[in-house]
Amino acid sequence: MPIKWVLHWQPNAGHTVNSQILAEVSQCVESINGVKDGKWKATLSFYRPVIKEQANAAEFPRDFLGISLPEQPSKYYFVLRGQRLVLEADSTIQTIMEKLQSYKTRVALNFEGVQYQLGDFQLRVGKVVSIQSESLRGIVMEMEYRPISSWEKSHKIMGEFFDIWQEALSKRPLPGHFVHMEPNFGEFGLSGQYTLQHTAVQYATIMLQMIASAQSVRN
């Protein structure tokens, strides 16, 4: 499977994300000859247990993330941060969870936008919106390199492409920049050969970063 970096937009101090930044980023992809190639959408839900008896609280993970990815719509991915686990399940697990009512969704976000082809690279630029309110919560970008599926071997070319992208973006007076947070995949028992479970862990990581950024702005 092709290697992928999931990046998030980090606003400068005193600034927030807005639709104008998203439009500028999309225009920048087109300025380096990115060709539009349809739309994409991923969904992430933050679950908390419904504990009917406090004595049973220790039996349940305190919280976890559920993620659906466009590459594999028939699957659903769980990231349990406390247990350092990432699990793949059939997408029908969401219906089963609703019926069991063991966990409830605290926050649900859509990551959606346009994908572009650029030689051997595929770029996805998207907004992060709350399913309930459609308010803009963030901006994400997926950078995928198709010829390589080894995380280690891809670092040099992905890093070089990221530098080119940052240079192109720096020509626009935007109040922020894209950040690449590299998780420790080994902690989740993942090997160096890239899979969708690696993508799920990256999305879980940037969600935590976005929450932390939003809290720091409020404080």
Protein backbone atom coordinates (compact mmCIF):
# COMPACT_ATOMS: atom_id res chain seq x y z
CA MET A 1 0.00 0.00 0.00
CA PRO A 2 1.31 3.52 -0.84
CA ILE A 3 2.92 5.50 1.96
CA LYS A 4 0.99 8.44 3.37
CA TRP A 5 1.65 11.43 5.62
CA VAL A 6 -1.33 13.11 7.27
CA LEU A 7 -0.64 16.77 8.03
CA HIS A 8 -2.67 19.38 9.90
CA TRP A 9 -2.72 23.17 9.67
CA GLN A 10 -1.21 24.91 12.69
CA PRO A 11 -2.37 28.55 12.87
CA ASN A 12 0.04 31.20 14.11
CA ALA A 13 -0.51 32.54 17.63
CA GLY A 14 -3.63 34.69 17.76
CA HIS A 15 -5.08 33.24 14.55
CA THR A 16 -7.67 30.57 13.79
CA VAL A 17 -8.46 28.49 10.71
CA ASN A 18 -10.89 29.86 8.14
CA SER A 19 -12.24 29.03 4.68
CA GLN A 20 -9.97 31.60 3.01
CA ILE A 21 -6.87 29.68 4.16
CA LEU A 22 -8.38 26.46 2.80
CA ALA A 23 -9.03 28.16 -0.57
CA GLU A 24 -5.44 29.49 -0.70
CA VAL A 25 -3.99 26.06 0.08
CA SER A 26 -6.09 24.48 -2.69
CA GLN A 27 -4.95 27.16 -5.15
CA CYS A 28 -1.34 26.50 -4.14
CA VAL A 29 -1.70 22.79 -5.03
CA GLU A 30 -3.01 23.79 -8.46
CA SER A 31 -0.14 26.28 -8.88
CA ILE A 32 2.39 23.40 -8.64
CA ASN A 33 0.43 21.51 -11.34
CA GLY A 34 -1.82 19.43 -9.12
CA VAL A 35 -4.72 18.06 -11.18
CA LYS A 36 -8.12 17.66 -9.51
CA ASP A 37 -9.17 14.04 -9.27
CA GLY A 38 -12.50 13.94 -7.43
CA LYS A 39 -13.51 14.32 -3.81
CA TRP A 40 -12.70 12.38 -0.63
CA LYS A 41 -14.13 12.02 2.84
CA ALA A 42 -13.07 10.34 6.09
CA THR A 43 -15.04 10.32 9.35
CA LEU A 44 -13.68 10.22 12.88
CA SER A 45 -15.70 9.65 16.06
CA PHE A 46 -14.59 10.04 19.66
CA TYR A 47 -16.24 7.44 21.91
CA ARG A 48 -16.76 7.33 25.66
CA PRO A 49 -18.18 4.37 27.60
CA VAL A 50 -21.72 4.40 28.97
CA ILE A 51 -21.08 3.11 32.49
CA LYS A 52 -24.23 1.99 34.24
CA GLU A 53 -22.41 0.74 37.35
CA GLN A 54 -19.27 2.50 38.57
CA ALA A 55 -17.82 -0.82 39.76
CA ASN A 56 -17.54 -1.86 36.09
CA ALA A 57 -15.69 1.28 34.99
CA ALA A 58 -12.27 -0.38 34.98
CA GLU A 59 -13.47 -2.98 32.46
CA PHE A 60 -13.95 -0.40 29.70
CA PRO A 61 -11.35 1.67 27.85
CA ARG A 62 -11.75 5.27 29.06
CA ASP A 63 -12.10 6.53 25.49
CA PHE A 64 -11.16 5.58 21.94
CA LEU A 65 -11.43 6.78 18.37
CA GLY A 66 -13.31 5.18 15.48
CA ILE A 67 -12.29 6.06 11.92
CA SER A 68 -13.74 5.31 8.49
CA LEU A 69 -11.41 5.82 5.52
CA PRO A 70 -12.34 6.27 1.84
CA GLU A 71 -9.83 3.64 0.65
CA GLN A 72 -11.73 0.88 2.47
CA PRO A 73 -15.37 1.89 3.15
CA SER A 74 -16.30 -1.66 4.23
CA LYS A 75 -13.89 -1.42 7.20
CA TYR A 76 -13.85 0.59 10.42
CA TYR A 77 -10.71 1.32 12.44
CA PHE A 78 -10.43 1.74 16.20
CA VAL A 79 -7.52 3.46 17.91
CA LEU A 80 -7.28 2.82 21.67
CA ARG A 81 -4.60 5.22 22.83
CA GLY A 82 -4.39 4.03 26.43
CA GLN A 83 -3.91 0.41 25.37
CA ARG A 84 -1.74 1.32 22.35
CA LEU A 85 -3.99 -0.71 20.07
CA VAL A 86 -5.27 -0.19 16.55
CA LEU A 87 -7.95 -2.59 15.34
CA GLU A 88 -9.67 -3.24 12.03
CA ALA A 89 -13.33 -4.29 12.03
CA ASP A 90 -16.19 -4.64 9.57
CA SER A 91 -18.04 -1.34 9.11
CA THR A 92 -21.23 -2.93 10.50
CA ILE A 93 -19.60 -2.75 13.94
CA GLN A 94 -20.95 0.83 14.17
CA THR A 95 -24.54 -0.43 14.02
CA ILE A 96 -23.79 -3.12 16.61
CA MET A 97 -22.28 -0.52 18.96
CA GLU A 98 -25.37 1.68 18.64
CA LYS A 99 -27.62 -1.24 19.57
CA LEU A 100 -25.47 -2.34 22.51
CA GLN A 101 -25.23 1.23 23.83
CA SER A 102 -21.96 0.42 25.62
CA TYR A 103 -20.33 3.50 24.14
CA LYS A 104 -21.65 6.81 22.89
CA THR A 105 -20.18 9.30 20.44
CA ARG A 106 -18.94 12.44 22.16
CA VAL A 107 -17.56 14.17 19.07
CA ALA A 108 -17.92 13.26 15.38
CA LEU A 109 -15.90 14.98 12.66
CA ASN A 110 -15.81 14.79 8.88
CA PHE A 111 -12.53 15.28 7.00
CA GLU A 112 -13.54 16.15 3.44
CA GLY A 113 -12.24 17.92 0.39
CA VAL A 114 -10.63 17.53 -3.04
CA GLN A 115 -7.88 15.16 -4.11
CA TYR A 116 -5.19 16.03 -6.64
CA GLN A 117 -2.74 14.02 -8.74
CA LEU A 118 0.80 15.29 -9.06
CA GLY A 119 3.03 12.76 -10.81
CA ASP A 120 3.61 9.84 -8.42
CA PHE A 121 2.06 11.83 -5.59
CA GLN A 122 -1.55 12.17 -4.57
CA LEU A 123 -2.53 15.15 -2.42
CA ARG A 124 -5.78 15.48 -0.52
CA VAL A 125 -6.72 18.86 0.92
CA GLY A 126 -9.71 19.02 3.20
CA LYS A 127 -11.60 20.78 5.92
CA VAL A 128 -12.38 19.33 9.33
CA VAL A 129 -16.01 19.97 10.25
CA SER A 130 -18.27 18.88 13.07
CA ILE A 131 -21.03 16.58 11.79
CA GLN A 132 -23.51 18.32 14.07
CA SER A 133 -22.75 21.95 13.19
CA GLU A 134 -20.66 22.06 9.98
CA SER A 135 -18.40 24.62 11.70
CA LEU A 136 -14.80 24.61 10.47
CA ARG A 137 -12.55 22.95 13.07
CA GLY A 138 -9.35 22.57 11.08
CA ILE A 139 -7.58 21.90 7.79
CA VAL A 140 -5.83 18.66 6.88
CA MET A 141 -3.71 17.42 4.02
CA GLU A 142 -2.80 13.88 3.00
CA MET A 143 0.43 13.41 1.08
CA GLU A 144 0.67 10.01 -0.60
CA TYR A 145 3.58 8.57 -2.57
CA ARG A 146 2.52 5.57 -4.63
CA PRO A 147 5.74 3.74 -5.60
CA ILE A 148 6.88 2.99 -2.02
CA SER A 149 5.12 1.18 0.85
CA SER A 150 8.04 1.13 3.32
CA TRP A 151 7.80 3.86 5.97
CA GLU A 152 11.58 4.02 6.44
CA LYS A 153 12.50 4.03 2.73
CA SER A 154 9.96 6.77 1.97
CA HIS A 155 11.30 9.31 4.46
CA LYS A 156 13.81 10.99 2.16
CA ILE A 157 11.50 11.53 -0.82
CA MET A 158 8.51 12.46 1.36
CA GLY A 159 10.66 14.95 3.27
CA GLU A 160 11.95 16.49 0.03
CA PHE A 161 8.45 16.82 -1.38
CA PHE A 162 7.21 18.34 1.88
CA ASP A 163 10.00 20.95 1.70
CA ILE A 164 8.99 21.83 -1.89
CA TRP A 165 5.38 22.14 -0.78
CA GLN A 166 6.27 24.35 2.20
CA GLU A 167 8.35 26.60 -0.06
CA ALA A 168 5.46 27.00 -2.51
CA LEU A 169 3.07 27.75 0.34
CA SER A 170 5.45 30.26 1.96
CA LYS A 171 5.03 32.56 -1.06
CA ARG A 172 1.50 33.24 0.18
CA PRO A 173 1.03 35.41 3.28
CA LEU A 174 -0.83 32.78 5.32
CA PRO A 175 -0.97 32.93 9.15
CA GLY A 176 0.23 29.38 9.84
CA HIS A 177 1.83 26.27 8.39
CA PHE A 178 1.32 22.53 7.94
CA VAL A 179 2.76 20.24 10.60
CA HIS A 180 3.74 16.60 10.24
CA MET A 181 3.46 14.70 13.53
CA GLU A 182 5.07 11.29 13.18
CA PRO A 183 3.55 8.75 15.59
CA ASN A 184 5.56 5.89 17.05
CA PHE A 185 3.90 3.13 15.04
CA GLY A 186 5.94 0.48 16.86
CA GLU A 187 4.04 1.31 20.06
CA PHE A 188 0.86 0.17 18.29
CA GLY A 189 2.48 -3.04 17.08
CA LEU A 190 2.66 -1.83 13.46
CA SER A 191 5.54 -2.81 11.16
CA GLY A 192 7.41 -0.67 8.64
CA GLN A 193 5.17 -1.82 5.76
CA TYR A 194 2.45 0.78 5.42
CA THR A 195 -1.23 -0.13 5.98
CA LEU A 196 -4.50 1.70 6.56
CA GLN A 197 -3.96 1.08 10.28
CA HIS A 198 -0.98 3.45 10.02
CA THR A 199 -3.33 6.04 8.50
CA ALA A 200 -5.82 5.56 11.35
CA VAL A 201 -3.10 6.16 13.95
CA GLN A 202 -2.01 9.34 12.11
CA TYR A 203 -5.57 10.68 12.12
CA ALA A 204 -5.89 9.92 15.84
CA THR A 205 -2.63 11.81 16.45
CA ILE A 206 -3.65 14.95 14.55
CA MET A 207 -7.07 14.98 16.23
CA LEU A 208 -5.36 15.17 19.61
CA GLN A 209 -3.12 17.96 18.29
CA MET A 210 -6.13 19.91 17.01
CA ILE A 211 -7.89 19.55 20.37
CA ALA A 212 -4.75 20.75 22.18
CA SER A 213 -4.40 23.72 19.80
CA ALA A 214 -8.04 24.74 20.26
CA GLN A 215 -7.70 24.55 24.05
CA SER A 216 -4.52 26.68 24.02
CA VAL A 217 -6.30 29.33 21.90
CA ARG A 218 -9.19 29.42 24.39
CA ASN A 219 -6.81 29.70 27.34
